[in-house]
Amino acid sequence: MFEHPIPRVGAGPRLAAAALDYVMSTFVVMACAWQGWGWFQLVESMPGLDGVQELYAPVEAMLVEAGLDQGLTSLLAASALVGVAYPMVEGVFGASPGKWVMGICIASPDGTRGNLGLYLRRFLVKHVRPVFATVGAVSGISALGFMAGPAGLVVTVGILLLLAPHRQALHDKLAGTAVFLRGDVVK
């Protein structure tokens, strides 16, 4: 069986951190939408926006009535902004807010502290779907948007590797990272 000098964190704590991140990012989206903060240029240039607004017209009316100025557009714009910015926290600091609460962090596979380059590499691999979709939307290169789905599916299925003795998801393997308890990481 695979033994590592510093035990890596398995699927349970990482799943709990992901659940916390989901809840916290939802609150951040709502706060940003109510403040009028968002990536409005991206949303307003979205193909099919009129159809989405027509489909969700009853929701739009409720949001505006509740005090959200631009209704659905505000939620979409805030979601676009937070969808890029929230995961970048992990890409810059080596731990998402959920990981921080759970006391875990990203490091090199040997348990030594990572650096910005390592964290950003892992971010780009782990979040390949939104990265491709965002770059495709901003640049107008639609092929990136089409590649986002299959690439994201591979990374998502690769999470099952956490169940292996090495406790590294595919995105960890590809980026050269692992997840440890924060106190176990060697400076």
N, C-alpha and C. Protein backbone atom coordinates (compact mmCIF):
# COMPACT_ATOMS: atom_id res chain seq x y z
N MET A 1 0.84 -1.19 0.00
CA MET A 1 0.00 0.00 0.00
C MET A 1 0.88 1.25 0.00
N PHE A 2 0.38 2.30 -0.62
CA PHE A 2 1.10 3.56 -0.73
C PHE A 2 1.16 4.26 0.62
N GLU A 3 2.34 4.54 1.09
CA GLU A 3 2.50 5.31 2.33
C GLU A 3 3.31 6.56 2.02
N HIS A 4 2.88 7.65 2.51
CA HIS A 4 3.57 8.91 2.32
C HIS A 4 3.97 9.42 3.69
N PRO A 5 5.15 10.02 3.82
CA PRO A 5 5.59 10.49 5.15
C PRO A 5 4.62 11.47 5.80
N ILE A 6 4.02 12.33 4.99
CA ILE A 6 3.01 13.27 5.50
C ILE A 6 1.68 12.82 4.91
N PRO A 7 0.72 12.45 5.75
CA PRO A 7 -0.54 11.95 5.20
C PRO A 7 -1.30 13.02 4.41
N ARG A 8 -1.76 12.61 3.26
CA ARG A 8 -2.56 13.50 2.41
C ARG A 8 -4.02 13.43 2.83
N VAL A 9 -4.73 14.50 2.55
CA VAL A 9 -6.15 14.58 2.88
C VAL A 9 -6.94 13.82 1.82
N GLY A 10 -7.89 13.03 2.26
CA GLY A 10 -8.71 12.24 1.35
C GLY A 10 -9.97 12.97 0.90
N ALA A 11 -10.89 12.17 0.39
CA ALA A 11 -12.09 12.71 -0.24
C ALA A 11 -13.04 13.40 0.73
N GLY A 12 -13.19 12.89 1.95
CA GLY A 12 -14.17 13.43 2.89
C GLY A 12 -13.97 14.90 3.21
N PRO A 13 -12.80 15.27 3.75
CA PRO A 13 -12.59 16.70 4.06
C PRO A 13 -12.61 17.59 2.82
N ARG A 14 -12.17 17.06 1.70
CA ARG A 14 -12.17 17.86 0.48
C ARG A 14 -13.60 18.07 -0.01
N LEU A 15 -14.45 17.07 0.13
CA LEU A 15 -15.86 17.21 -0.22
C LEU A 15 -16.55 18.22 0.70
N ALA A 16 -16.22 18.16 1.99
CA ALA A 16 -16.79 19.12 2.94
C ALA A 16 -16.35 20.54 2.59
N ALA A 17 -15.08 20.71 2.22
CA ALA A 17 -14.58 22.03 1.81
C ALA A 17 -15.30 22.51 0.56
N ALA A 18 -15.53 21.62 -0.39
CA ALA A 18 -16.24 21.99 -1.62
C ALA A 18 -17.68 22.41 -1.32
N ALA A 19 -18.33 21.70 -0.39
CA ALA A 19 -19.70 22.06 -0.01
C ALA A 19 -19.71 23.44 0.66
N LEU A 20 -18.75 23.69 1.52
CA LEU A 20 -18.66 25.02 2.15
C LEU A 20 -18.42 26.10 1.10
N ASP A 21 -17.55 25.82 0.14
CA ASP A 21 -17.29 26.79 -0.92
C ASP A 21 -18.55 27.06 -1.74
N TYR A 22 -19.33 26.04 -1.99
CA TYR A 22 -20.57 26.21 -2.74
C TYR A 22 -21.52 27.16 -1.99
N VAL A 23 -21.69 26.91 -0.71
CA VAL A 23 -22.60 27.75 0.09
C VAL A 23 -22.06 29.17 0.20
N MET A 24 -20.77 29.31 0.51
CA MET A 24 -20.19 30.65 0.67
C MET A 24 -20.22 31.42 -0.64
N SER A 25 -19.91 30.75 -1.77
CA SER A 25 -19.91 31.47 -3.04
C SER A 25 -21.32 31.90 -3.44
N THR A 26 -22.32 31.12 -3.05
CA THR A 26 -23.71 31.51 -3.31
C THR A 26 -24.05 32.80 -2.58
N PHE A 27 -23.63 32.90 -1.32
CA PHE A 27 -23.86 34.13 -0.56
C PHE A 27 -23.09 35.30 -1.18
N VAL A 28 -21.88 35.05 -1.66
CA VAL A 28 -21.09 36.11 -2.30
C VAL A 28 -21.78 36.58 -3.58
N VAL A 29 -22.32 35.64 -4.37
CA VAL A 29 -23.05 36.02 -5.59
C VAL A 29 -24.24 36.91 -5.23
N MET A 30 -25.00 36.51 -4.23
CA MET A 30 -26.17 37.31 -3.84
C MET A 30 -25.75 38.70 -3.36
N ALA A 31 -24.71 38.77 -2.55
CA ALA A 31 -24.24 40.07 -2.06
C ALA A 31 -23.77 40.94 -3.23
N CYS A 32 -23.02 40.35 -4.16
CA CYS A 32 -22.53 41.13 -5.31
C CYS A 32 -23.69 41.60 -6.18
N ALA A 33 -24.67 40.73 -6.40
CA ALA A 33 -25.83 41.11 -7.23
C ALA A 33 -26.56 42.28 -6.60
N TRP A 34 -26.76 42.25 -5.29
CA TRP A 34 -27.48 43.34 -4.62
C TRP A 34 -26.67 44.62 -4.59
N GLN A 35 -25.34 44.50 -4.68
CA GLN A 35 -24.50 45.70 -4.72
C GLN A 35 -24.32 46.23 -6.14
N GLY A 36 -24.78 45.47 -7.12
CA GLY A 36 -24.61 45.88 -8.51
C GLY A 36 -23.25 45.56 -9.07
N TRP A 37 -22.53 44.65 -8.40
CA TRP A 37 -21.20 44.25 -8.86
C TRP A 37 -21.34 43.01 -9.74
N GLY A 38 -20.73 43.04 -10.88
CA GLY A 38 -20.79 41.88 -11.75
C GLY A 38 -20.11 42.14 -13.06
N TRP A 39 -20.05 41.08 -13.85
CA TRP A 39 -19.41 41.12 -15.15
C TRP A 39 -20.49 41.34 -16.19
N PHE A 40 -21.05 42.57 -16.20
CA PHE A 40 -22.20 42.88 -17.04
C PHE A 40 -21.87 42.83 -18.53
N GLN A 41 -20.65 43.23 -18.92
CA GLN A 41 -20.28 43.22 -20.33
C GLN A 41 -20.36 41.80 -20.90
N LEU A 42 -19.92 40.81 -20.12
CA LEU A 42 -19.96 39.42 -20.58
C LEU A 42 -21.40 38.96 -20.73
N VAL A 43 -22.22 39.26 -19.75
CA VAL A 43 -23.62 38.81 -19.77
C VAL A 43 -24.39 39.48 -20.90
N GLU A 44 -24.19 40.77 -21.07
CA GLU A 44 -24.94 41.50 -22.10
C GLU A 44 -24.55 41.08 -23.52
N SER A 45 -23.36 40.50 -23.69
CA SER A 45 -22.95 40.03 -25.02
C SER A 45 -23.21 38.53 -25.20
N MET A 46 -23.84 37.91 -24.21
CA MET A 46 -24.12 36.49 -24.26
C MET A 46 -25.14 36.17 -25.35
N PRO A 47 -24.80 35.23 -26.25
CA PRO A 47 -25.81 34.85 -27.25
C PRO A 47 -26.99 34.18 -26.55
N GLY A 48 -28.18 34.52 -26.96
CA GLY A 48 -29.37 33.90 -26.40
C GLY A 48 -29.86 34.52 -25.11
N LEU A 49 -29.29 35.66 -24.72
CA LEU A 49 -29.72 36.31 -23.47
C LEU A 49 -31.20 36.65 -23.50
N ASP A 50 -31.69 37.11 -24.65
CA ASP A 50 -33.12 37.46 -24.75
C ASP A 50 -33.99 36.25 -24.46
N GLY A 51 -33.61 35.09 -24.97
CA GLY A 51 -34.38 33.88 -24.72
C GLY A 51 -34.38 33.48 -23.26
N VAL A 52 -33.22 33.63 -22.61
CA VAL A 52 -33.11 33.32 -21.18
C VAL A 52 -34.00 34.26 -20.38
N GLN A 53 -33.94 35.55 -20.71
CA GLN A 53 -34.75 36.53 -19.99
C GLN A 53 -36.24 36.28 -20.21
N GLU A 54 -36.60 35.86 -21.41
CA GLU A 54 -38.00 35.56 -21.69
C GLU A 54 -38.45 34.33 -20.89
N LEU A 55 -37.61 33.31 -20.86
CA LEU A 55 -37.93 32.09 -20.13
C LEU A 55 -38.10 32.34 -18.64
N TYR A 56 -37.26 33.20 -18.11
CA TYR A 56 -37.30 33.47 -16.67
C TYR A 56 -37.99 34.79 -16.33
N ALA A 57 -38.90 35.23 -17.16
CA ALA A 57 -39.62 36.49 -16.93
C ALA A 57 -40.31 36.53 -15.57
N PRO A 58 -40.97 35.45 -15.11
CA PRO A 58 -41.59 35.51 -13.78
C PRO A 58 -40.55 35.69 -12.66
N VAL A 59 -39.40 35.06 -12.81
CA VAL A 59 -38.33 35.22 -11.81
C VAL A 59 -37.80 36.65 -11.86
N GLU A 60 -37.64 37.16 -13.06
CA GLU A 60 -37.17 38.54 -13.25
C GLU A 60 -38.07 39.51 -12.50
N ALA A 61 -39.39 39.35 -12.65
CA ALA A 61 -40.35 40.23 -11.99
C ALA A 61 -40.21 40.14 -10.46
N MET A 62 -40.04 38.94 -9.95
CA MET A 62 -39.87 38.77 -8.50
C MET A 62 -38.57 39.40 -8.00
N LEU A 63 -37.49 39.24 -8.77
CA LEU A 63 -36.21 39.82 -8.36
C LEU A 63 -36.26 41.34 -8.34
N VAL A 64 -36.85 41.92 -9.37
CA VAL A 64 -36.97 43.38 -9.43
C VAL A 64 -37.86 43.87 -8.30
N GLU A 65 -38.96 43.17 -8.06
CA GLU A 65 -39.87 43.54 -6.96
C GLU A 65 -39.16 43.44 -5.61
N ALA A 66 -38.22 42.49 -5.48
CA ALA A 66 -37.48 42.32 -4.23
C ALA A 66 -36.39 43.37 -4.06
N GLY A 67 -36.16 44.19 -5.12
CA GLY A 67 -35.19 45.27 -5.00
C GLY A 67 -33.91 45.08 -5.78
N LEU A 68 -33.80 44.00 -6.54
CA LEU A 68 -32.61 43.78 -7.36
C LEU A 68 -32.80 44.53 -8.67
N ASP A 69 -32.08 45.65 -8.84
CA ASP A 69 -32.30 46.58 -9.94
C ASP A 69 -32.45 45.93 -11.31
N GLN A 70 -31.48 45.16 -11.73
CA GLN A 70 -31.54 44.59 -13.07
C GLN A 70 -31.95 43.12 -13.05
N GLY A 71 -32.48 42.66 -11.95
CA GLY A 71 -33.03 41.32 -11.84
C GLY A 71 -32.09 40.22 -12.24
N LEU A 72 -32.52 39.42 -13.19
CA LEU A 72 -31.77 38.26 -13.65
C LEU A 72 -30.40 38.64 -14.20
N THR A 73 -30.33 39.75 -14.91
CA THR A 73 -29.05 40.20 -15.45
C THR A 73 -28.04 40.44 -14.33
N SER A 74 -28.50 41.02 -13.22
CA SER A 74 -27.61 41.24 -12.07
C SER A 74 -27.11 39.92 -11.50
N LEU A 75 -28.01 38.94 -11.38
CA LEU A 75 -27.60 37.62 -10.87
C LEU A 75 -26.61 36.94 -11.81
N LEU A 76 -26.88 37.00 -13.10
CA LEU A 76 -25.97 36.39 -14.07
C LEU A 76 -24.61 37.09 -14.07
N ALA A 77 -24.62 38.42 -14.00
CA ALA A 77 -23.36 39.18 -14.00
C ALA A 77 -22.55 38.90 -12.74
N ALA A 78 -23.23 38.83 -11.60
CA ALA A 78 -22.55 38.52 -10.34
C ALA A 78 -22.03 37.08 -10.37
N SER A 79 -22.80 36.17 -10.94
CA SER A 79 -22.36 34.77 -11.05
C SER A 79 -21.13 34.66 -11.94
N ALA A 80 -21.10 35.42 -13.03
CA ALA A 80 -19.94 35.40 -13.93
C ALA A 80 -18.69 35.91 -13.21
N LEU A 81 -18.84 37.01 -12.48
CA LEU A 81 -17.71 37.58 -11.76
C LEU A 81 -17.22 36.64 -10.66
N VAL A 82 -18.13 36.18 -9.83
CA VAL A 82 -17.76 35.31 -8.70
C VAL A 82 -17.29 33.95 -9.21
N GLY A 83 -17.86 33.49 -10.31
CA GLY A 83 -17.45 32.21 -10.88
C GLY A 83 -15.99 32.20 -11.31
N VAL A 84 -15.44 33.34 -11.62
CA VAL A 84 -14.02 33.45 -11.96
C VAL A 84 -13.20 33.84 -10.72
N ALA A 85 -13.69 34.83 -9.97
CA ALA A 85 -12.92 35.37 -8.86
C ALA A 85 -12.82 34.43 -7.66
N TYR A 86 -13.92 33.76 -7.30
CA TYR A 86 -13.91 32.91 -6.10
C TYR A 86 -12.88 31.78 -6.20
N PRO A 87 -12.86 31.02 -7.30
CA PRO A 87 -11.85 29.96 -7.39
C PRO A 87 -10.42 30.50 -7.47
N MET A 88 -10.27 31.75 -7.95
CA MET A 88 -8.93 32.34 -8.02
C MET A 88 -8.30 32.52 -6.64
N VAL A 89 -9.12 32.61 -5.61
CA VAL A 89 -8.59 32.70 -4.25
C VAL A 89 -7.70 31.49 -3.99
N GLU A 90 -8.20 30.29 -4.35
CA GLU A 90 -7.42 29.07 -4.19
C GLU A 90 -6.20 29.10 -5.10
N GLY A 91 -6.36 29.65 -6.30
CA GLY A 91 -5.26 29.73 -7.24
C GLY A 91 -4.16 30.68 -6.82
N VAL A 92 -4.46 31.61 -5.96
CA VAL A 92 -3.45 32.57 -5.50
C VAL A 92 -2.90 32.19 -4.12
N PHE A 93 -3.77 31.74 -3.22
CA PHE A 93 -3.36 31.51 -1.83
C PHE A 93 -3.17 30.04 -1.46
N GLY A 94 -3.55 29.11 -2.34
CA GLY A 94 -3.34 27.69 -2.04
C GLY A 94 -4.42 27.07 -1.19
N ALA A 95 -5.49 27.79 -0.95
CA ALA A 95 -6.63 27.25 -0.21
C ALA A 95 -7.84 28.11 -0.52
N SER A 96 -8.94 27.44 -0.84
CA SER A 96 -10.19 28.16 -1.01
C SER A 96 -10.71 28.51 0.39
N PRO A 97 -11.68 29.40 0.49
CA PRO A 97 -12.24 29.66 1.82
C PRO A 97 -12.74 28.38 2.52
N GLY A 98 -13.34 27.48 1.76
CA GLY A 98 -13.80 26.21 2.34
C GLY A 98 -12.65 25.36 2.85
N LYS A 99 -11.57 25.30 2.07
CA LYS A 99 -10.38 24.55 2.51
C LYS A 99 -9.80 25.22 3.75
N TRP A 100 -9.78 26.54 3.76
CA TRP A 100 -9.23 27.25 4.91
C TRP A 100 -10.02 26.90 6.18
N VAL A 101 -11.35 26.92 6.09
CA VAL A 101 -12.20 26.58 7.23
C VAL A 101 -11.94 25.14 7.68
N MET A 102 -11.72 24.24 6.72
CA MET A 102 -11.48 22.83 7.05
C MET A 102 -10.05 22.57 7.51
N GLY A 103 -9.19 23.59 7.44
CA GLY A 103 -7.81 23.43 7.90
C GLY A 103 -6.93 22.66 6.93
N ILE A 104 -7.27 22.71 5.64
CA ILE A 104 -6.47 22.01 4.64
C ILE A 104 -5.95 22.99 3.60
N CYS A 105 -4.90 22.58 2.89
CA CYS A 105 -4.32 23.46 1.87
C CYS A 105 -3.63 22.64 0.79
N ILE A 106 -3.33 23.31 -0.28
CA ILE A 106 -2.63 22.73 -1.42
C ILE A 106 -1.14 22.88 -1.18
N ALA A 107 -0.39 21.87 -1.55
CA ALA A 107 1.07 21.91 -1.43
C ALA A 107 1.68 21.03 -2.52
N SER A 108 2.98 20.96 -2.54
CA SER A 108 3.68 20.04 -3.44
C SER A 108 3.39 18.62 -2.99
N PRO A 109 3.51 17.64 -3.88
CA PRO A 109 3.21 16.26 -3.50
C PRO A 109 4.03 15.72 -2.32
N ASP A 110 5.20 16.30 -2.09
CA ASP A 110 6.03 15.84 -0.97
C ASP A 110 5.67 16.51 0.35
N GLY A 111 4.69 17.41 0.33
CA GLY A 111 4.23 18.05 1.56
C GLY A 111 4.91 19.37 1.85
N THR A 112 5.71 19.87 0.92
CA THR A 112 6.33 21.18 1.13
C THR A 112 5.39 22.25 0.59
N ARG A 113 5.50 23.42 1.18
CA ARG A 113 4.64 24.54 0.80
C ARG A 113 4.77 24.85 -0.68
N GLY A 114 3.63 25.17 -1.29
CA GLY A 114 3.63 25.54 -2.70
C GLY A 114 3.93 27.01 -2.88
N ASN A 115 3.94 27.42 -4.14
CA ASN A 115 4.14 28.84 -4.45
C ASN A 115 3.06 29.27 -5.44
N LEU A 116 3.04 30.52 -5.78
CA LEU A 116 2.01 31.07 -6.65
C LEU A 116 1.93 30.32 -7.98
N GLY A 117 3.08 30.00 -8.56
CA GLY A 117 3.09 29.28 -9.83
C GLY A 117 2.41 27.91 -9.72
N LEU A 118 2.68 27.20 -8.65
CA LEU A 118 2.08 25.89 -8.42
C LEU A 118 0.57 26.02 -8.23
N TYR A 119 0.16 26.99 -7.42
CA TYR A 119 -1.27 27.19 -7.17
C TYR A 119 -2.02 27.58 -8.45
N LEU A 120 -1.43 28.46 -9.26
CA LEU A 120 -2.07 28.88 -10.51
C LEU A 120 -2.15 27.73 -11.52
N ARG A 121 -1.09 26.91 -11.57
CA ARG A 121 -1.12 25.76 -12.47
C ARG A 121 -2.27 24.82 -12.09
N ARG A 122 -2.42 24.57 -10.80
CA ARG A 122 -3.51 23.70 -10.34
C ARG A 122 -4.87 24.34 -10.64
N PHE A 123 -4.96 25.65 -10.44
CA PHE A 123 -6.21 26.36 -10.75
C PHE A 123 -6.59 26.16 -12.22
N LEU A 124 -5.63 26.34 -13.11
CA LEU A 124 -5.92 26.23 -14.55
C LEU A 124 -6.34 24.82 -14.93
N VAL A 125 -5.73 23.81 -14.31
CA VAL A 125 -6.10 22.43 -14.61
C VAL A 125 -7.45 22.09 -13.98
N LYS A 126 -7.62 22.40 -12.70
CA LYS A 126 -8.85 22.05 -11.99
C LYS A 126 -10.07 22.75 -12.57
N HIS A 127 -9.90 23.97 -12.97
CA HIS A 127 -11.02 24.78 -13.47
C HIS A 127 -10.94 24.97 -14.98
N VAL A 128 -10.53 23.93 -15.67
CA VAL A 128 -10.36 24.01 -17.13
C VAL A 128 -11.67 24.37 -17.83
N ARG A 129 -12.79 23.89 -17.33
CA ARG A 129 -14.08 24.18 -17.98
C ARG A 129 -14.39 25.68 -17.95
N PRO A 130 -14.45 26.32 -16.78
CA PRO A 130 -14.75 27.76 -16.80
C PRO A 130 -13.63 28.60 -17.42
N VAL A 131 -12.38 28.14 -17.30
CA VAL A 131 -11.29 28.90 -17.92
C VAL A 131 -11.46 28.89 -19.44
N PHE A 132 -11.69 27.71 -20.02
CA PHE A 132 -11.90 27.64 -21.47
C PHE A 132 -13.13 28.43 -21.88
N ALA A 133 -14.23 28.29 -21.15
CA ALA A 133 -15.46 28.98 -21.49
C ALA A 133 -15.28 30.49 -21.41
N THR A 134 -14.60 30.96 -20.37
CA THR A 134 -14.38 32.41 -20.22
C THR A 134 -13.47 32.95 -21.30
N VAL A 135 -12.37 32.28 -21.55
CA VAL A 135 -11.45 32.73 -22.60
C VAL A 135 -12.14 32.69 -23.95
N GLY A 136 -12.94 31.65 -24.17
CA GLY A 136 -13.69 31.56 -25.43
C GLY A 136 -14.70 32.68 -25.58
N ALA A 137 -15.42 33.00 -24.49
CA ALA A 137 -16.43 34.06 -24.53
C ALA A 137 -15.79 35.43 -24.73
N VAL A 138 -14.70 35.68 -24.02
CA VAL A 138 -14.05 36.99 -24.09
C VAL A 138 -13.35 37.18 -25.44
N SER A 139 -12.70 36.11 -25.94
CA SER A 139 -11.93 36.22 -27.17
C SER A 139 -12.78 36.00 -28.42
N GLY A 140 -13.95 35.38 -28.26
CA GLY A 140 -14.78 35.06 -29.41
C GLY A 140 -14.37 33.78 -30.11
N ILE A 141 -13.43 33.02 -29.52
CA ILE A 141 -13.00 31.75 -30.11
C ILE A 141 -13.95 30.66 -29.61
N SER A 142 -14.95 30.37 -30.40
CA SER A 142 -16.01 29.45 -29.96
C SER A 142 -15.50 28.03 -29.75
N ALA A 143 -14.42 27.64 -30.40
CA ALA A 143 -13.88 26.29 -30.23
C ALA A 143 -13.50 26.03 -28.77
N LEU A 144 -13.02 27.06 -28.08
CA LEU A 144 -12.68 26.88 -26.66
C LEU A 144 -13.92 26.57 -25.84
N GLY A 145 -15.03 27.21 -26.17
CA GLY A 145 -16.28 26.92 -25.48
C GLY A 145 -16.72 25.49 -25.70
N PHE A 146 -16.53 24.98 -26.92
CA PHE A 146 -16.90 23.60 -27.20
C PHE A 146 -15.98 22.60 -26.50
N MET A 147 -14.71 22.95 -26.35
CA MET A 147 -13.74 22.07 -25.68
C MET A 147 -13.92 22.09 -24.17
N ALA A 148 -14.55 23.11 -23.64
CA ALA A 148 -14.70 23.24 -22.19
C ALA A 148 -15.44 22.06 -21.59
N GLY A 149 -16.52 21.64 -22.22
CA GLY A 149 -17.33 20.55 -21.68
C GLY A 149 -16.57 19.24 -21.54
N PRO A 150 -15.99 18.71 -22.63
CA PRO A 150 -15.25 17.46 -22.52
C PRO A 150 -14.04 17.55 -21.59
N ALA A 151 -13.32 18.66 -21.64
CA ALA A 151 -12.16 18.81 -20.76
C ALA A 151 -12.60 18.83 -19.30
N GLY A 152 -13.67 19.55 -19.01
CA GLY A 152 -14.19 19.59 -17.65
C GLY A 152 -14.68 18.23 -17.18
N LEU A 153 -15.28 17.46 -18.08
CA LEU A 153 -15.77 16.13 -17.73
C LEU A 153 -14.61 15.21 -17.34
N VAL A 154 -13.52 15.28 -18.07
CA VAL A 154 -12.35 14.45 -17.75
C VAL A 154 -11.84 14.80 -16.35
N VAL A 155 -11.72 16.09 -16.05
CA VAL A 155 -11.24 16.51 -14.73
C VAL A 155 -12.24 16.10 -13.64
N THR A 156 -13.52 16.24 -13.91
CA THR A 156 -14.54 15.87 -12.93
C THR A 156 -14.49 14.38 -12.61
N VAL A 157 -14.42 13.55 -13.63
CA VAL A 157 -14.33 12.10 -13.42
C VAL A 157 -13.01 11.76 -12.72
N GLY A 158 -11.98 12.54 -13.00
CA GLY A 158 -10.68 12.32 -12.37
C GLY A 158 -10.67 12.53 -10.87
N ILE A 159 -11.74 13.10 -10.33
CA ILE A 159 -11.84 13.27 -8.88
C ILE A 159 -11.91 11.90 -8.20
N LEU A 160 -12.38 10.90 -8.91
CA LEU A 160 -12.45 9.55 -8.36
C LEU A 160 -11.09 9.01 -7.94
N LEU A 161 -10.02 9.57 -8.50
CA LEU A 161 -8.67 9.14 -8.10
C LEU A 161 -8.38 9.44 -6.63
N LEU A 162 -9.18 10.32 -6.01
CA LEU A 162 -9.01 10.58 -4.58
C LEU A 162 -9.20 9.31 -3.76
N LEU A 163 -9.91 8.34 -4.30
CA LEU A 163 -10.17 7.10 -3.59
C LEU A 163 -8.97 6.14 -3.66
N ALA A 164 -7.99 6.45 -4.51
CA ALA A 164 -6.78 5.63 -4.62
C ALA A 164 -5.87 5.91 -3.43
N PRO A 165 -4.94 5.02 -3.15
CA PRO A 165 -4.05 5.22 -2.00
C PRO A 165 -3.23 6.52 -2.04
N HIS A 166 -2.93 7.04 -3.23
CA HIS A 166 -2.13 8.28 -3.31
C HIS A 166 -2.94 9.52 -2.97
N ARG A 167 -4.27 9.42 -2.92
CA ARG A 167 -5.16 10.52 -2.54
C ARG A 167 -4.92 11.80 -3.34
N GLN A 168 -4.76 11.67 -4.62
CA GLN A 168 -4.63 12.82 -5.51
C GLN A 168 -5.66 12.69 -6.61
N ALA A 169 -6.45 13.74 -6.82
CA ALA A 169 -7.37 13.78 -7.95
C ALA A 169 -6.55 13.98 -9.22
N LEU A 170 -7.18 13.77 -10.37
CA LEU A 170 -6.47 13.94 -11.64
C LEU A 170 -5.87 15.33 -11.75
N HIS A 171 -6.62 16.35 -11.32
CA HIS A 171 -6.09 17.71 -11.43
C HIS A 171 -4.85 17.89 -10.54
N ASP A 172 -4.78 17.19 -9.41
CA ASP A 172 -3.58 17.23 -8.57
C ASP A 172 -2.41 16.55 -9.28
N LYS A 173 -2.68 15.38 -9.86
CA LYS A 173 -1.63 14.64 -10.58
C LYS A 173 -1.07 15.50 -11.72
N LEU A 174 -1.98 16.07 -12.53
CA LEU A 174 -1.54 16.86 -13.68
C LEU A 174 -0.80 18.13 -13.27
N ALA A 175 -1.21 18.74 -12.17
CA ALA A 175 -0.60 20.00 -11.73
C ALA A 175 0.61 19.77 -10.82
N GLY A 176 0.81 18.56 -10.34
CA GLY A 176 1.93 18.29 -9.43
C GLY A 176 1.65 18.83 -8.04
N THR A 177 0.43 18.56 -7.52
CA THR A 177 0.04 19.04 -6.20
C THR A 177 -0.60 17.91 -5.39
N ALA A 178 -0.81 18.18 -4.13
CA ALA A 178 -1.57 17.30 -3.23
C ALA A 178 -2.18 18.20 -2.16
N VAL A 179 -3.13 17.65 -1.40
CA VAL A 179 -3.79 18.43 -0.36
C VAL A 179 -3.46 17.80 0.99
N PHE A 180 -3.09 18.67 1.93
CA PHE A 180 -2.66 18.24 3.26
C PHE A 180 -3.37 19.07 4.34
N LEU A 181 -3.32 18.58 5.57
CA LEU A 181 -3.71 19.44 6.68
C LEU A 181 -2.74 20.59 6.73
N ARG A 182 -3.24 21.79 6.96
CA ARG A 182 -2.40 22.99 6.93
C ARG A 182 -1.21 22.89 7.88
N GLY A 183 -1.43 22.31 9.06
CA GLY A 183 -0.35 22.19 10.05
C GLY A 183 0.71 21.17 9.68
N ASP A 184 0.41 20.28 8.74
CA ASP A 184 1.39 19.25 8.34
C ASP A 184 2.32 19.70 7.23
N VAL A 185 1.99 20.80 6.55
CA VAL A 185 2.80 21.26 5.44
C VAL A 185 4.12 21.81 5.94
N VAL A 186 5.20 21.37 5.31
CA VAL A 186 6.55 21.80 5.67
C VAL A 186 6.85 23.13 4.99
N LYS A 187 7.28 24.07 5.77
CA LYS A 187 7.56 25.42 5.24
C LYS A 187 8.70 25.37 4.32
